[in-house]
Amino acid sequence: MDSLQRMDAVPQGRRRRPWTWERAYPILTLLPSIIAIAIFVYGFIFWTGYISLTKWNTLTVNLAWNGLRNYALLFQQFRFQADLRNLLVFTILFILCCLVIGLLLAVMVDQKLRTEALFRNIFIFPMALSFIVTGVVWQWLFAPNSGVNLILKALGVKHLPQWYVDPTIVPPGWHVGQIQLGLPIALIAVVVAAVWQMSGFAMALYLAGLRAIPEELKEAAAVDGANAWQTFWKVTFPQLHPITVTTTIILAHISMKIFDLIYAMTGPGPMFATDMPSLNMFNTTFQGNHYAQGAAIAIIMLLLIAVFIVPYLVSAFRQEGRS
């Protein structure tokens, strides 16, 4: 009797629920995936970070401690400095062009045209291709003796552009370390190919955002005397801010780890004008057998991606907490 009275005295929220199969089943279902992610994602990230701090730069395993020397050596190399320049330029141009073209395409498709489905499928179609296929196709289109140059030659253009084989940097004259800052002309062709494939993705997200905006907001702006242009910039475009942020984060993630497009289309390019850290990591690790340096490049790529991803996740968690 006393024990029953003590149980009744315990607050309802503090009582332990019995461990039943209904409670255990979800945990047991997720447990294999949790273990696999812990080992093959976070475990390998930790292992890669450890290897980057060792002297394992030959086929023979050497786990002797090397500290940050591999990182210091990387930042002294001309190729890695060029990689960082190319990655910065490519990321900025890639994201801006995809956002602008994607928004324009979304606004055009959102005009309730009869051929909307046709245009939407045409613009999204490049996403069905892999970057390898895109690289091979655009390599032929921008080759000095075929593709676009044949059209320019037929139009009477005498000085044909060399596209992805031109290592010229514009504007010239800015030097940092061993490299020259600016836009490598050879990188323009790569940006065009990447934007062609991913602008449809930005269009799809913006189109979904446009369709989610209540018509009442646009009608209220029209009642207040706003024209179509003012309604778009004052009402519609601010409502697309979450779409813009999400699209930017996804495109930045794609840009930071771009590999297959570069590998298939140009390779490192002349004077490493189209080289990227991912391609450098592949060559260093699997062709040069410098495993510690390759691991250091991989960790730097991870940190660069985290610069975009972590603030977004923190902001998303804060918004969920407020709601």
Protein backbone atom coordinates (compact mmCIF):
# COMPACT_ATOMS: atom_id res chain seq x y z
CA MET A 1 0.00 0.00 0.00
CA ASP A 2 2.83 2.37 0.86
CA SER A 3 4.58 1.59 -2.40
CA LEU A 4 1.42 2.39 -4.37
CA GLN A 5 1.08 5.67 -2.52
CA ARG A 6 4.73 6.55 -3.33
CA MET A 7 4.13 5.78 -7.03
CA ASP A 8 1.10 8.03 -7.01
CA ALA A 9 3.19 10.78 -5.45
CA VAL A 10 5.69 10.71 -8.35
CA PRO A 11 4.82 13.37 -10.95
CA GLN A 12 3.41 11.96 -14.18
CA GLY A 13 6.22 13.44 -16.31
CA ARG A 14 8.95 11.74 -14.25
CA ARG A 15 7.61 8.20 -14.49
CA ARG A 16 9.65 5.89 -16.69
CA ARG A 17 7.75 4.34 -19.51
CA PRO A 18 8.32 0.61 -19.90
CA TRP A 19 10.73 -0.45 -22.66
CA THR A 20 8.44 -1.95 -25.27
CA TRP A 21 8.94 -3.26 -28.78
CA GLU A 22 7.14 -0.20 -30.17
CA ARG A 23 9.81 2.05 -28.65
CA ALA A 24 12.74 -0.17 -29.59
CA TYR A 25 11.73 -0.81 -33.21
CA PRO A 26 12.51 2.70 -34.60
CA ILE A 27 15.89 2.75 -32.85
CA LEU A 28 16.82 -0.72 -34.07
CA THR A 29 15.73 0.22 -37.58
CA LEU A 30 17.99 3.28 -37.67
CA LEU A 31 20.90 1.67 -35.82
CA PRO A 32 22.58 0.08 -38.91
CA SER A 33 22.49 3.40 -40.77
CA ILE A 34 23.81 5.28 -37.74
CA ILE A 35 26.71 2.83 -37.38
CA ALA A 36 27.48 2.97 -41.12
CA ILE A 37 27.49 6.78 -41.14
CA ALA A 38 29.63 6.90 -38.01
CA ILE A 39 32.23 4.58 -39.58
CA PHE A 40 32.21 5.41 -43.28
CA VAL A 41 31.61 9.18 -43.02
CA TYR A 42 32.82 10.62 -39.72
CA GLY A 43 35.30 7.85 -39.09
CA PHE A 44 36.92 8.32 -42.49
CA ILE A 45 36.92 12.10 -42.06
CA PHE A 46 38.82 11.65 -38.82
CA TRP A 47 41.20 9.17 -40.49
CA THR A 48 41.82 11.56 -43.40
CA GLY A 49 42.55 14.37 -40.97
CA TYR A 50 45.02 12.17 -39.12
CA ILE A 51 46.76 11.08 -42.34
CA SER A 52 47.16 14.73 -43.34
CA LEU A 53 49.31 15.21 -40.24
CA THR A 54 51.69 12.35 -41.01
CA LYS A 55 54.67 11.73 -43.35
CA TRP A 56 52.86 9.19 -45.54
CA ASN A 57 53.88 10.59 -48.93
CA THR A 58 55.11 7.38 -50.56
CA LEU A 59 53.69 3.94 -51.28
CA THR A 60 55.20 2.78 -48.00
CA VAL A 61 52.96 3.52 -45.04
CA ASN A 62 54.60 6.09 -42.77
CA LEU A 63 52.42 7.33 -39.92
CA ALA A 64 55.19 9.34 -38.28
CA TRP A 65 53.92 12.69 -37.01
CA ASN A 66 54.51 15.58 -39.39
CA GLY A 67 52.27 18.26 -37.88
CA LEU A 68 51.06 20.99 -40.21
CA ARG A 69 53.99 20.75 -42.60
CA ASN A 70 51.87 19.22 -45.37
CA TYR A 71 49.48 22.18 -45.17
CA ALA A 72 52.33 24.69 -45.16
CA LEU A 73 53.88 23.00 -48.20
CA LEU A 74 50.58 23.11 -50.07
CA PHE A 75 50.13 26.85 -49.63
CA GLN A 76 53.66 27.39 -50.96
CA GLN A 77 52.93 25.51 -54.21
CA PHE A 78 52.07 27.44 -57.35
CA ARG A 79 49.47 24.84 -58.36
CA PHE A 80 47.53 25.00 -55.09
CA GLN A 81 47.56 28.79 -55.07
CA ALA A 82 46.18 28.69 -58.63
CA ASP A 83 43.57 26.17 -57.45
CA LEU A 84 42.29 28.54 -54.77
CA ARG A 85 42.13 31.43 -57.24
CA ASN A 86 40.28 29.31 -59.80
CA LEU A 87 37.89 27.96 -57.18
CA LEU A 88 37.03 31.46 -55.94
CA VAL A 89 36.47 32.85 -59.45
CA PHE A 90 34.54 29.79 -60.61
CA THR A 91 32.30 29.77 -57.53
CA ILE A 92 31.38 33.45 -57.82
CA LEU A 93 30.63 33.31 -61.55
CA PHE A 94 28.89 29.95 -61.33
CA ILE A 95 26.54 30.96 -58.50
CA LEU A 96 25.74 34.44 -59.87
CA CYS A 97 25.04 33.20 -63.40
CA CYS A 98 22.90 30.29 -62.19
CA LEU A 99 20.87 32.55 -59.91
CA VAL A 100 20.28 35.24 -62.51
CA ILE A 101 19.51 32.89 -65.40
CA GLY A 102 17.44 30.61 -63.16
CA LEU A 103 15.35 33.54 -61.91
CA LEU A 104 14.79 34.88 -65.43
CA LEU A 105 13.77 31.45 -66.71
CA ALA A 106 11.44 30.94 -63.75
CA VAL A 107 9.73 34.29 -64.33
CA MET A 108 9.33 33.46 -68.01
CA VAL A 109 7.90 29.99 -67.37
CA ASP A 110 5.57 31.41 -64.71
CA GLN A 111 3.66 33.45 -67.32
CA LYS A 112 1.02 30.70 -67.70
CA LEU A 113 2.00 29.92 -71.29
CA ARG A 114 0.49 27.00 -73.16
CA THR A 115 3.95 25.62 -73.85
CA GLU A 116 5.02 25.93 -70.20
CA ALA A 117 5.55 22.19 -69.77
CA LEU A 118 7.72 22.07 -72.91
CA PHE A 119 9.93 24.96 -71.85
CA ARG A 120 10.19 23.65 -68.30
CA ASN A 121 11.36 20.24 -69.53
CA ILE A 122 13.84 21.79 -71.97
CA PHE A 123 15.44 23.94 -69.28
CA ILE A 124 15.59 21.15 -66.71
CA PHE A 125 16.84 18.52 -69.19
CA PRO A 126 20.59 19.26 -68.70
CA MET A 127 20.24 18.16 -65.06
CA ALA A 128 19.57 14.63 -66.34
CA LEU A 129 23.11 14.49 -67.69
CA SER A 130 26.19 13.82 -65.64
CA PHE A 131 29.02 16.33 -65.48
CA ILE A 132 31.17 13.81 -67.39
CA VAL A 133 28.81 13.93 -70.37
CA THR A 134 28.55 17.71 -70.12
CA GLY A 135 32.34 18.02 -70.07
CA VAL A 136 32.80 15.84 -73.15
CA VAL A 137 30.13 17.72 -75.14
CA TRP A 138 31.35 21.20 -74.23
CA GLN A 139 34.96 20.18 -74.80
CA TRP A 140 34.07 19.56 -78.43
CA LEU A 141 31.99 22.75 -78.66
CA PHE A 142 34.85 24.90 -77.35
CA ALA A 143 37.70 23.07 -79.08
CA PRO A 144 39.88 25.50 -81.07
CA ASN A 145 39.24 23.71 -84.38
CA SER A 146 35.60 22.63 -84.01
CA GLY A 147 32.24 23.56 -82.56
CA VAL A 148 31.75 27.26 -81.88
CA ASN A 149 34.93 28.30 -83.70
CA LEU A 150 33.66 26.76 -86.94
CA ILE A 151 30.62 29.05 -86.73
CA LEU A 152 32.78 32.07 -85.93
CA LYS A 153 35.10 31.22 -88.83
CA ALA A 154 32.12 30.98 -91.19
CA LEU A 155 31.00 34.43 -90.00
CA GLY A 156 34.37 35.86 -90.96
CA VAL A 157 36.01 36.16 -87.55
CA LYS A 158 39.78 36.11 -88.13
CA HIS A 159 41.15 35.87 -84.59
CA LEU A 160 39.38 32.83 -83.20
CA PRO A 161 39.33 32.46 -79.41
CA GLN A 162 41.29 29.56 -77.95
CA TRP A 163 38.75 29.04 -75.18
CA TYR A 164 39.94 26.53 -72.56
CA VAL A 165 43.53 26.42 -73.86
CA ASP A 166 44.16 30.14 -73.28
CA PRO A 167 46.02 30.73 -69.97
CA THR A 168 45.70 34.54 -70.13
CA ILE A 169 44.57 36.22 -66.90
CA VAL A 170 42.32 39.29 -67.08
CA PRO A 171 42.74 41.91 -65.84
CA PRO A 172 46.55 41.53 -65.76
CA GLY A 173 48.97 42.86 -63.21
CA TRP A 174 47.66 41.70 -59.81
CA HIS A 175 49.99 39.26 -58.07
CA VAL A 176 49.58 37.46 -54.75
CA GLY A 177 52.21 34.93 -53.84
CA GLN A 178 53.27 33.05 -56.96
CA ILE A 179 50.06 33.56 -58.93
CA GLN A 180 48.37 36.35 -60.82
CA LEU A 181 44.91 37.28 -59.61
CA GLY A 182 42.05 37.69 -62.03
CA LEU A 183 39.89 35.63 -64.36
CA PRO A 184 41.66 32.94 -66.40
CA ILE A 185 40.16 33.05 -69.89
CA ALA A 186 40.34 29.25 -70.06
CA LEU A 187 37.98 29.09 -67.08
CA ILE A 188 35.18 30.90 -68.92
CA ALA A 189 34.37 27.82 -70.99
CA VAL A 190 34.10 25.72 -67.83
CA VAL A 191 31.76 28.26 -66.22
CA VAL A 192 29.54 28.25 -69.31
CA ALA A 193 29.29 24.45 -69.27
CA ALA A 194 28.52 24.33 -65.55
CA VAL A 195 25.91 27.10 -65.76
CA TRP A 196 24.25 25.38 -68.74
CA GLN A 197 23.77 22.25 -66.64
CA MET A 198 22.71 23.78 -63.31
CA SER A 199 20.73 26.90 -64.25
CA GLY A 200 17.68 24.67 -64.78
CA PHE A 201 18.01 23.52 -61.18
CA ALA A 202 17.91 27.13 -59.98
CA MET A 203 14.93 27.73 -62.26
CA ALA A 204 13.01 24.83 -60.72
CA LEU A 205 13.54 26.15 -57.19
CA TYR A 206 12.63 29.71 -58.12
CA LEU A 207 9.56 28.50 -59.99
CA ALA A 208 8.39 26.64 -56.91
CA GLY A 209 8.96 29.80 -54.87
CA LEU A 210 7.02 31.96 -57.32
CA ARG A 211 4.08 29.54 -57.29
CA ALA A 212 4.03 29.63 -53.46
CA ILE A 213 3.63 33.44 -53.23
CA PRO A 214 -0.01 34.34 -52.48
CA GLU A 215 -1.71 36.27 -55.25
CA GLU A 216 -3.26 38.53 -52.60
CA LEU A 217 0.11 40.21 -52.05
CA LYS A 218 0.46 41.09 -55.73
CA GLU A 219 -3.13 42.28 -55.92
CA ALA A 220 -2.61 44.51 -52.87
CA ALA A 221 0.47 46.05 -54.48
CA ALA A 222 -1.49 46.69 -57.69
CA VAL A 223 -4.24 48.39 -55.67
CA ASP A 224 -1.61 50.65 -54.10
CA GLY A 225 -0.56 51.75 -57.59
CA ALA A 226 2.56 49.64 -58.10
CA ASN A 227 3.36 48.61 -61.67
CA ALA A 228 4.58 45.15 -62.67
CA TRP A 229 8.26 46.03 -62.21
CA GLN A 230 7.73 47.55 -58.77
CA THR A 231 5.55 44.63 -57.71
CA PHE A 232 8.30 42.21 -58.65
CA TRP A 233 11.12 44.00 -56.80
CA LYS A 234 9.11 45.17 -53.78
CA VAL A 235 6.83 42.17 -53.26
CA THR A 236 7.84 39.09 -55.24
CA PHE A 237 11.62 39.18 -55.02
CA PRO A 238 11.83 39.62 -51.21
CA GLN A 239 9.58 36.58 -50.85
CA LEU A 240 12.17 34.55 -52.78
CA HIS A 241 14.94 35.22 -50.25
CA PRO A 242 14.79 31.71 -48.66
CA ILE A 243 14.94 30.16 -52.14
CA THR A 244 17.97 32.27 -53.02
CA VAL A 245 19.79 31.27 -49.84
CA THR A 246 19.03 27.57 -50.31
CA THR A 247 20.04 27.63 -53.97
CA THR A 248 23.26 29.47 -53.17
CA ILE A 249 24.24 26.92 -50.52
CA ILE A 250 23.58 23.96 -52.83
CA LEU A 251 25.41 25.53 -55.78
CA ALA A 252 28.34 26.50 -53.56
CA HIS A 253 28.59 22.91 -52.36
CA ILE A 254 28.61 21.68 -55.97
CA SER A 255 31.21 24.26 -56.93
CA MET A 256 33.58 23.51 -54.05
CA LYS A 257 33.84 19.83 -54.96
CA ILE A 258 33.63 20.13 -58.75
CA PHE A 259 35.75 17.38 -60.30
CA ASP A 260 34.15 15.36 -63.09
CA LEU A 261 33.40 18.37 -65.32
CA ILE A 262 37.00 19.62 -65.06
CA TYR A 263 38.43 16.12 -65.49
CA ALA A 264 36.42 15.43 -68.66
CA MET A 265 36.58 18.89 -70.22
CA THR A 266 39.96 20.49 -69.63
CA GLY A 267 42.05 18.79 -66.96
CA PRO A 268 44.42 21.12 -65.09
CA GLY A 269 44.70 23.29 -68.18
CA PRO A 270 47.68 25.40 -69.31
CA MET A 271 49.48 26.95 -66.36
CA PHE A 272 46.79 25.31 -64.17
CA ALA A 273 44.29 27.86 -65.51
CA THR A 274 41.35 25.46 -65.03
CA ASP A 275 42.70 23.35 -62.19
CA MET A 276 40.66 22.80 -59.02
CA PRO A 277 41.54 21.46 -55.53
CA SER A 278 39.54 18.28 -56.20
CA LEU A 279 41.56 17.49 -59.33
CA ASN A 280 44.77 18.38 -57.51
CA MET A 281 43.80 16.02 -54.69
CA PHE A 282 43.11 13.21 -57.16
CA ASN A 283 46.45 13.67 -58.95
CA THR A 284 48.41 14.08 -55.73
CA THR A 285 46.89 11.07 -53.98
CA PHE A 286 46.23 8.44 -56.63
CA GLN A 287 48.80 9.35 -59.28
CA GLY A 288 51.58 10.90 -57.24
CA ASN A 289 51.13 8.62 -54.18
CA HIS A 290 51.51 11.60 -51.83
CA TYR A 291 48.78 10.42 -49.51
CA ALA A 292 49.37 12.86 -46.67
CA GLN A 293 49.36 15.88 -48.98
CA GLY A 294 46.27 14.58 -50.76
CA ALA A 295 44.56 14.17 -47.40
CA ALA A 296 45.52 17.74 -46.51
CA ILE A 297 43.86 19.00 -49.70
CA ALA A 298 40.73 16.99 -48.85
CA ILE A 299 40.56 18.52 -45.37
CA ILE A 300 40.96 22.02 -46.79
CA MET A 301 38.10 21.31 -49.22
CA LEU A 302 35.99 20.12 -46.29
CA LEU A 303 36.68 23.33 -44.39
CA LEU A 304 35.82 25.45 -47.43
CA ILE A 305 32.49 23.66 -47.80
CA ALA A 306 31.84 24.06 -44.07
CA VAL A 307 32.21 27.84 -44.47
CA PHE A 308 28.96 27.78 -46.48
CA ILE A 309 27.14 24.88 -44.87
CA VAL A 310 27.65 25.50 -41.12
CA PRO A 311 26.21 29.06 -40.96
CA TYR A 312 23.19 27.86 -42.95
CA LEU A 313 22.59 24.94 -40.59
CA VAL A 314 23.00 27.14 -37.51
CA SER A 315 20.49 29.63 -38.91
CA ALA A 316 18.06 26.84 -39.78
CA PHE A 317 18.28 25.33 -36.27
CA ARG A 318 17.70 28.74 -34.68
CA GLN A 319 14.60 29.32 -36.79
CA GLU A 320 13.25 25.90 -35.84
CA GLY A 321 13.91 26.64 -32.19
CA ARG A 322 12.01 29.93 -32.40
CA SER A 323 9.08 28.28 -34.09
